[in-house]
Amino acid sequence: MSLSISSVFDSGNIIVNDASDPGNVRLEIAKDHQSDFYQWFHFRVTGEKGQALRLLIENAGGAAYPKGWENYQAVVSQDTMEWRRVPTSFDGQTLIIETELTADSIYVAYFAPYSSERHQMLVAGASNYEHARVSVLGKTLDGRDLDLITIGEPGPDKRTIWITARQHPGETMAEWWMEGFLERMLDPISAISRDLTARAVFYVVPNMNPDGSARGHLRTNAAGVNLNREWQAPSMEKSPEVFLTLEKMKETGCDLALDVHGDEALPYNFIAGTEGIPSWNDRLGNLLETFKSTYVKSSNGAFQTQFGYPKNAPGKANLTICSNALAERFDCLAMTLEMPFKDDANHPDPAFGWSPARAKQLGASALSPLLAVMSALR
């Protein structure tokens, strides 16, 4: 039986050069639309059950983050629910994935996908809770809804918390994190969630880039724009997702902003702060340290502070980036949370690596650091 390889589905991405030999399947990753970024892949292989496969992604060396392929393992699923790591190597140009057809059809991806359908279920589920409201900030360039979940009721003494995820659509672990966060925040018997909603209103955008997510992009929206470089001067023409979110933020204010991402190269969970903004001060520094130290404890060490990005020099922050722009505009604690595409090097799991389940746990454990800083936010 010959192989059939397809990616014409939600978040699919692959170009088939030659699938005639299961031991030498030649593939490429398609670039994001109107962009040179590429790294995300997600495709289906159909053939004879038990057939060994050697999948060669021949343009991997030119991807956005070649270091992301070092010590990386692709994920494979036959039911789209459980995604297991498989032997993967990189020779500097070609990514080589070795697996087999454990069923007549399997799916192969860069990281466990988070589908548009699951996003709809996440949003629909939130609307079932008495203290949560679902609304639409506006439309994307492809005409999709930009969903907002508001948790809690505004009040004169309440803090305003904004949490956004998946500005970069290929970073699907960000929406898995969001699912875990929302499950705990909306748990009616959770004492900590009740405490948080008594003190603050939460504005949550589970997927900032639904167009790029559906299109199978790594980093950009339908116009080929990197949304996380649009926060200084967004426009409805190029970056409506940021424009609409920022307009709502101007209306509500912002005492804390957490923007959730994934990092291709570093095998750790960490936070990038905003130390380089012009108005950085000791108050923001103390808040950041409290948040991070509490997160280490609440996550049982899954979140860590030893490894991460270098701090920006004073006054040298890129103010087009979400967390920097919001910290400077609102004088608030703003952070970028990064999770690995690979594994958590401190707690390796050879079968699953960093996974949806672990991302959800990290999301659920974020409530404690949020509570720890709440009273000092303003």
Protein backbone atom coordinates (compact mmCIF):
# COMPACT_ATOMS: atom_id res chain seq x y z
CA MET A 1 0.00 0.00 0.00
CA SER A 2 1.39 3.41 -0.95
CA LEU A 3 1.56 6.24 1.58
CA SER A 4 -0.84 9.17 1.61
CA ILE A 5 0.34 12.32 3.38
CA SER A 6 -1.98 15.26 3.93
CA SER A 7 -2.14 18.52 5.87
CA VAL A 8 -5.27 20.18 4.49
CA PHE A 9 -6.95 20.46 7.87
CA ASP A 10 -6.97 22.72 10.91
CA SER A 11 -3.37 23.78 11.75
CA GLY A 12 -1.95 21.43 9.10
CA ASN A 13 1.40 22.22 7.50
CA ILE A 14 3.64 20.10 5.28
CA ILE A 15 4.84 19.98 1.68
CA VAL A 16 5.36 16.50 0.21
CA ASN A 17 8.32 16.21 -2.16
CA ASP A 18 8.38 12.41 -2.47
CA ALA A 19 6.42 9.79 -0.52
CA SER A 20 7.13 6.81 -2.76
CA ASP A 21 9.56 5.18 -0.30
CA PRO A 22 8.39 4.86 3.35
CA GLY A 23 12.05 4.69 4.38
CA ASN A 24 12.89 7.97 2.67
CA VAL A 25 9.84 10.28 2.77
CA ARG A 26 10.99 13.71 1.61
CA LEU A 27 9.11 16.65 3.11
CA GLU A 28 9.33 20.41 3.67
CA ILE A 29 7.63 22.84 6.03
CA ALA A 30 5.65 25.61 4.35
CA LYS A 31 6.42 29.21 5.32
CA ASP A 32 3.87 31.32 7.16
CA HIS A 33 1.74 33.26 4.65
CA GLN A 34 3.53 36.44 3.50
CA SER A 35 6.42 35.66 5.84
CA ASP A 36 9.74 33.82 5.94
CA PHE A 37 8.98 32.24 9.34
CA TYR A 38 8.50 28.48 9.45
CA GLN A 39 8.98 25.68 11.94
CA TRP A 40 5.53 24.36 12.82
CA PHE A 41 4.49 21.12 11.11
CA HIS A 42 1.39 18.97 11.50
CA PHE A 43 0.39 16.28 9.03
CA ARG A 44 -1.31 12.90 8.63
CA VAL A 45 0.30 9.76 7.24
CA THR A 46 -1.94 6.93 6.00
CA GLY A 47 -0.70 3.54 4.85
CA GLU A 48 -0.27 -0.06 5.95
CA LYS A 49 -0.31 -0.63 9.70
CA GLY A 50 3.10 -1.73 10.98
CA GLN A 51 5.04 0.04 8.21
CA ALA A 52 8.27 1.65 9.43
CA LEU A 53 8.62 5.32 8.48
CA ARG A 54 11.62 7.59 8.03
CA LEU A 55 10.39 11.13 7.50
CA LEU A 56 12.92 13.71 6.28
CA ILE A 57 12.05 17.40 6.67
CA GLU A 58 14.62 18.67 4.25
CA ASN A 59 14.40 22.42 4.86
CA ALA A 60 14.63 22.23 8.67
CA GLY A 61 18.05 23.91 8.64
CA GLY A 62 16.53 27.12 7.32
CA ALA A 63 13.73 27.24 9.89
CA ALA A 64 13.21 30.22 12.17
CA TYR A 65 15.06 28.61 15.09
CA PRO A 66 17.47 25.85 13.97
CA LYS A 67 18.65 25.39 17.57
CA GLY A 68 15.12 24.27 18.30
CA TRP A 69 15.90 20.99 16.52
CA GLU A 70 18.82 20.13 18.81
CA ASN A 71 17.82 17.42 21.33
CA TYR A 72 14.26 17.70 20.02
CA GLN A 73 11.79 14.86 19.47
CA ALA A 74 8.67 15.12 17.32
CA VAL A 75 5.29 13.96 18.61
CA VAL A 76 3.07 11.31 17.02
CA SER A 77 -0.55 10.29 17.70
CA GLN A 78 -3.00 7.80 16.24
CA ASP A 79 -6.05 9.22 18.02
CA THR A 80 -5.12 12.97 18.17
CA MET A 81 -5.49 12.75 21.96
CA GLU A 82 -2.29 11.15 23.20
CA TRP A 83 0.93 12.49 21.66
CA ARG A 84 4.12 10.50 22.24
CA ARG A 85 7.71 11.49 21.46
CA VAL A 86 9.52 9.51 18.76
CA PRO A 87 13.21 9.25 17.78
CA THR A 88 14.23 12.41 15.97
CA SER A 89 17.63 13.70 14.83
CA PHE A 90 18.99 16.77 13.06
CA ASP A 91 22.08 16.83 10.83
CA GLY A 92 22.25 20.59 10.43
CA GLN A 93 19.91 20.70 7.45
CA THR A 94 17.44 17.82 7.63
CA LEU A 95 15.20 16.81 10.52
CA ILE A 96 14.84 13.02 10.55
CA ILE A 97 11.78 11.53 12.29
CA GLU A 98 11.68 7.75 12.74
CA THR A 99 8.40 6.10 13.67
CA GLU A 100 5.90 3.57 12.37
CA LEU A 101 2.28 3.34 11.39
CA THR A 102 0.89 2.04 14.68
CA ALA A 103 -2.50 2.24 12.98
CA ASP A 104 -3.59 2.73 9.39
CA SER A 105 -3.30 6.45 9.98
CA ILE A 106 -1.15 8.55 12.32
CA TYR A 107 -0.56 12.25 12.90
CA VAL A 108 2.86 13.85 13.24
CA ALA A 109 3.42 17.32 14.73
CA TYR A 110 5.98 19.74 16.12
CA PHE A 111 4.05 19.85 19.40
CA ALA A 112 0.63 18.53 20.41
CA PRO A 113 -1.85 20.68 18.42
CA TYR A 114 -4.59 22.69 20.08
CA SER A 115 -7.43 22.65 17.59
CA SER A 116 -9.96 25.34 16.72
CA GLU A 117 -12.67 22.91 17.84
CA ARG A 118 -11.06 22.48 21.25
CA HIS A 119 -10.77 26.26 21.52
CA GLN A 120 -14.52 26.54 20.87
CA MET A 121 -15.17 23.96 23.57
CA LEU A 122 -12.92 25.87 26.00
CA VAL A 123 -14.80 29.11 25.41
CA ALA A 124 -18.21 27.46 25.48
CA GLY A 125 -17.35 25.73 28.74
CA ALA A 126 -16.40 29.04 30.35
CA SER A 127 -19.81 30.49 29.56
CA ASN A 128 -21.41 27.86 31.82
CA TYR A 129 -20.01 29.49 34.95
CA GLU A 130 -21.96 32.12 36.82
CA HIS A 131 -19.01 34.48 37.36
CA ALA A 132 -17.59 34.19 33.82
CA ARG A 133 -18.74 36.01 30.70
CA VAL A 134 -17.80 35.35 27.09
CA SER A 135 -17.61 38.18 24.57
CA VAL A 136 -15.93 38.94 21.24
CA LEU A 137 -13.36 41.72 21.02
CA GLY A 138 -13.80 41.85 17.24
CA LYS A 139 -12.92 40.02 14.04
CA THR A 140 -9.57 38.87 12.71
CA LEU A 141 -8.42 39.41 9.14
CA ASP A 142 -9.87 36.02 8.17
CA GLY A 143 -13.15 36.91 9.88
CA ARG A 144 -12.71 34.77 12.98
CA ASP A 145 -13.88 35.81 16.44
CA LEU A 146 -11.28 37.10 18.87
CA ASP A 147 -12.69 35.66 22.09
CA LEU A 148 -12.49 37.27 25.51
CA ILE A 149 -13.41 35.54 28.76
CA THR A 150 -14.07 37.89 31.69
CA ILE A 151 -14.00 36.35 35.16
CA GLY A 152 -15.30 38.30 38.15
CA GLU A 153 -17.16 41.56 38.57
CA PRO A 154 -15.49 45.00 38.37
CA GLY A 155 -15.39 47.09 41.53
CA PRO A 156 -13.66 50.26 42.75
CA ASP A 157 -11.05 48.41 44.81
CA LYS A 158 -10.55 45.48 42.47
CA ARG A 159 -7.37 44.76 40.53
CA THR A 160 -7.44 44.23 36.78
CA ILE A 161 -5.56 41.18 35.46
CA TRP A 162 -4.99 40.45 31.75
CA ILE A 163 -3.81 37.02 30.59
CA THR A 164 -3.17 36.36 26.90
CA ALA A 165 -1.85 33.32 25.06
CA ARG A 166 -0.75 32.11 21.65
CA GLN A 167 0.22 35.35 19.96
CA HIS A 168 2.53 32.95 18.11
CA PRO A 169 0.09 30.30 16.85
CA GLY A 170 2.56 27.41 16.65
CA GLU A 171 3.19 27.72 20.39
CA THR A 172 0.25 25.48 21.20
CA MET A 173 1.48 24.70 24.71
CA ALA A 174 0.31 28.23 25.54
CA GLU A 175 -3.34 27.33 25.00
CA TRP A 176 -2.91 24.02 26.83
CA TRP A 177 -1.58 26.15 29.73
CA MET A 178 -4.64 28.37 29.37
CA GLU A 179 -6.97 25.37 29.58
CA GLY A 180 -5.43 24.31 32.88
CA PHE A 181 -5.56 27.86 34.21
CA LEU A 182 -9.23 28.30 33.29
CA GLU A 183 -10.25 24.92 34.68
CA ARG A 184 -8.94 25.90 38.10
CA MET A 185 -10.10 29.51 37.94
CA LEU A 186 -13.63 28.37 37.09
CA ASP A 187 -13.75 25.54 39.63
CA PRO A 188 -16.71 26.47 41.89
CA ILE A 189 -15.21 24.70 44.89
CA SER A 190 -11.71 26.20 44.54
CA ALA A 191 -11.00 28.45 47.52
CA ILE A 192 -8.11 30.22 45.80
CA SER A 193 -10.16 31.06 42.72
CA ARG A 194 -12.89 32.53 44.93
CA ASP A 195 -10.26 34.59 46.72
CA LEU A 196 -8.84 35.84 43.43
CA THR A 197 -12.20 36.81 41.95
CA ALA A 198 -13.07 38.63 45.18
CA ARG A 199 -9.99 40.78 44.71
CA ALA A 200 -9.70 41.12 40.92
CA VAL A 201 -11.33 40.93 37.52
CA PHE A 202 -9.60 38.66 35.00
CA TYR A 203 -9.64 39.38 31.27
CA VAL A 204 -8.49 36.27 29.42
CA VAL A 205 -7.76 35.90 25.69
CA PRO A 206 -7.09 32.16 25.23
CA ASN A 207 -5.92 32.50 21.61
CA MET A 208 -4.64 35.84 20.34
CA ASN A 209 -4.00 34.47 16.85
CA PRO A 210 -6.84 32.23 15.62
CA ASP A 211 -6.03 32.87 11.94
CA GLY A 212 -2.42 31.76 12.23
CA SER A 213 -3.52 28.79 14.33
CA ALA A 214 -5.92 27.51 11.68
CA ARG A 215 -3.49 28.24 8.84
CA GLY A 216 -0.69 26.17 10.41
CA HIS A 217 1.64 29.13 11.01
CA LEU A 218 4.51 29.20 13.45
CA ARG A 219 4.64 32.87 14.35
CA THR A 220 2.38 35.19 12.34
CA ASN A 221 -1.22 36.13 11.61
CA ALA A 222 -3.05 36.07 8.25
CA ALA A 223 -1.06 39.09 7.05
CA GLY A 224 2.30 37.54 7.91
CA VAL A 225 2.69 39.87 10.91
CA ASN A 226 4.36 38.87 14.18
CA LEU A 227 1.79 40.09 16.70
CA ASN A 228 4.32 40.26 19.50
CA ARG A 229 6.06 43.11 17.68
CA GLU A 230 2.89 45.18 17.22
CA TRP A 231 2.14 46.51 20.69
CA GLN A 232 3.53 50.01 20.20
CA ALA A 233 1.44 50.87 17.14
CA PRO A 234 -1.03 48.13 16.13
CA SER A 235 -3.48 48.63 13.27
CA MET A 236 -6.74 47.10 12.11
CA GLU A 237 -5.12 46.61 8.69
CA LYS A 238 -2.16 44.48 9.85
CA SER A 239 -2.73 43.44 13.46
CA PRO A 240 -6.38 43.77 14.49
CA GLU A 241 -5.86 41.13 17.18
CA VAL A 242 -3.48 43.43 19.09
CA PHE A 243 -5.36 46.63 18.23
CA LEU A 244 -8.66 45.29 19.58
CA THR A 245 -7.09 43.83 22.72
CA LEU A 246 -5.17 47.01 23.50
CA GLU A 247 -8.27 49.16 23.03
CA LYS A 248 -10.09 47.02 25.60
CA MET A 249 -7.10 47.27 27.95
CA LYS A 250 -7.21 51.06 27.71
CA GLU A 251 -10.86 50.85 28.77
CA THR A 252 -10.31 48.48 31.73
CA GLY A 253 -6.82 49.42 32.83
CA CYS A 254 -4.20 46.80 33.66
CA ASP A 255 -2.55 46.00 37.00
CA LEU A 256 -0.90 42.76 35.87
CA ALA A 257 -0.36 41.23 32.42
CA LEU A 258 0.84 37.71 31.73
CA ASP A 259 1.50 36.72 28.11
CA VAL A 260 1.97 32.96 27.60
CA HIS A 261 4.36 31.56 24.97
CA GLY A 262 6.60 28.63 24.02
CA ASP A 263 10.33 28.70 23.31
CA GLU A 264 11.84 26.54 20.60
CA ALA A 265 15.35 26.18 22.00
CA LEU A 266 15.39 26.31 25.81
CA PRO A 267 14.17 23.17 27.65
CA TYR A 268 12.82 25.04 30.67
CA ASN A 269 9.79 26.94 31.96
CA PHE A 270 10.72 30.53 32.78
CA ILE A 271 9.55 34.14 32.79
CA ALA A 272 11.03 37.02 30.84
CA GLY A 273 10.52 40.24 32.79
CA THR A 274 10.51 43.84 31.67
CA GLU A 275 13.65 45.07 33.44
CA GLY A 276 14.72 47.07 30.37
CA ILE A 277 11.74 49.44 30.16
CA PRO A 278 12.49 53.14 30.78
CA SER A 279 10.25 53.31 33.87
CA TRP A 280 11.45 50.11 35.58
CA ASN A 281 11.55 50.52 39.35
CA ASP A 282 12.02 48.64 42.60
CA ARG A 283 8.28 48.14 43.07
CA LEU A 284 8.02 46.22 39.79
CA GLY A 285 11.20 44.32 40.60
CA ASN A 286 9.86 43.18 43.96
CA LEU A 287 6.56 42.13 42.43
CA LEU A 288 8.36 40.12 39.76
CA GLU A 289 10.54 38.32 42.29
CA THR A 290 7.55 37.50 44.49
CA PHE A 291 5.62 36.13 41.54
CA LYS A 292 8.51 33.95 40.34
CA SER A 293 9.52 32.58 43.75
CA THR A 294 5.91 31.67 44.52
CA TYR A 295 5.50 30.01 41.11
CA VAL A 296 8.54 27.80 41.76
CA LYS A 297 6.85 26.50 44.91
CA SER A 298 3.31 26.18 43.58
CA SER A 299 4.48 24.26 40.49
CA ASN A 300 6.74 21.90 42.48
CA GLY A 301 9.72 23.16 40.53
CA ALA A 302 8.27 22.80 37.03
CA PHE A 303 8.70 26.56 36.82
CA GLN A 304 12.29 27.65 37.52
CA THR A 305 14.41 30.81 37.63
CA GLN A 306 17.94 29.60 36.86
CA PHE A 307 17.62 29.50 33.07
CA GLY A 308 15.95 31.98 30.75
CA TYR A 309 16.59 35.00 28.56
CA PRO A 310 19.24 37.61 29.43
CA LYS A 311 17.78 40.71 31.07
CA ASN A 312 17.61 43.81 28.90
CA ALA A 313 19.91 46.63 29.90
CA PRO A 314 18.17 49.62 31.52
CA GLY A 315 16.20 51.57 28.94
CA LYS A 316 16.95 49.08 26.15
CA ALA A 317 13.72 47.04 26.15
CA ASN A 318 11.93 46.51 22.84
CA LEU A 319 8.68 48.40 23.43
CA THR A 320 6.93 46.70 20.52
CA ILE A 321 6.82 43.48 22.58
CA CYS A 322 3.63 42.89 24.56
CA SER A 323 4.97 42.66 28.10
CA ASN A 324 7.39 45.59 27.70
CA ALA A 325 4.75 47.79 26.06
CA LEU A 326 2.13 47.07 28.74
CA ALA A 327 4.54 47.49 31.66
CA GLU A 328 5.57 50.89 30.31
CA ARG A 329 2.06 52.07 29.37
CA PHE A 330 0.27 50.98 32.56
CA ASP A 331 3.16 50.99 35.07
CA CYS A 332 2.17 47.41 35.85
CA LEU A 333 3.77 44.04 36.45
CA ALA A 334 3.92 42.48 32.98
CA MET A 335 5.60 39.17 32.17
CA THR A 336 6.17 36.73 29.34
CA LEU A 337 5.91 33.08 30.36
CA GLU A 338 7.86 30.64 28.18
CA MET A 339 7.48 26.84 28.02
CA PRO A 340 9.54 24.34 26.01
CA PHE A 341 8.73 22.59 22.76
CA LYS A 342 11.22 19.94 23.89
CA ASP A 343 11.21 18.52 27.41
CA ASP A 344 11.66 20.04 30.83
CA ALA A 345 15.36 19.30 31.31
CA ASN A 346 14.95 19.44 35.09
CA HIS A 347 12.17 16.82 35.05
CA PRO A 348 12.55 14.78 31.84
CA ASP A 349 9.81 12.50 30.57
CA PRO A 350 11.19 10.35 27.71
CA ALA A 351 7.75 9.18 26.58
CA PHE A 352 5.94 12.52 26.39
CA GLY A 353 8.46 15.32 26.94
CA TRP A 354 6.86 18.63 27.86
CA SER A 355 3.24 17.78 27.16
CA PRO A 356 -0.32 19.13 27.19
CA ALA A 357 -0.95 17.58 30.62
CA ARG A 358 2.14 19.22 32.10
CA ALA A 359 1.34 22.58 30.49
CA LYS A 360 -2.16 22.39 32.01
CA GLN A 361 -0.67 21.67 35.44
CA LEU A 362 1.58 24.70 35.10
CA GLY A 363 -1.46 26.79 34.18
CA ALA A 364 -3.39 25.58 37.20
CA SER A 365 -0.46 26.32 39.51
CA ALA A 366 -0.33 29.98 38.36
CA LEU A 367 -3.13 30.97 40.74
CA SER A 368 -0.86 30.98 43.80
CA PRO A 369 1.69 33.50 42.45
CA LEU A 370 -1.17 35.69 41.21
CA LEU A 371 -2.61 35.75 44.73
CA ALA A 372 0.83 36.38 46.24
CA VAL A 373 1.26 39.69 44.40
CA MET A 374 -2.38 40.81 44.38
CA SER A 375 -2.39 43.19 47.32
CA ALA A 376 0.79 45.01 46.18
CA LEU A 377 -0.14 45.54 42.52
CA ARG A 378 -1.20 49.16 43.22
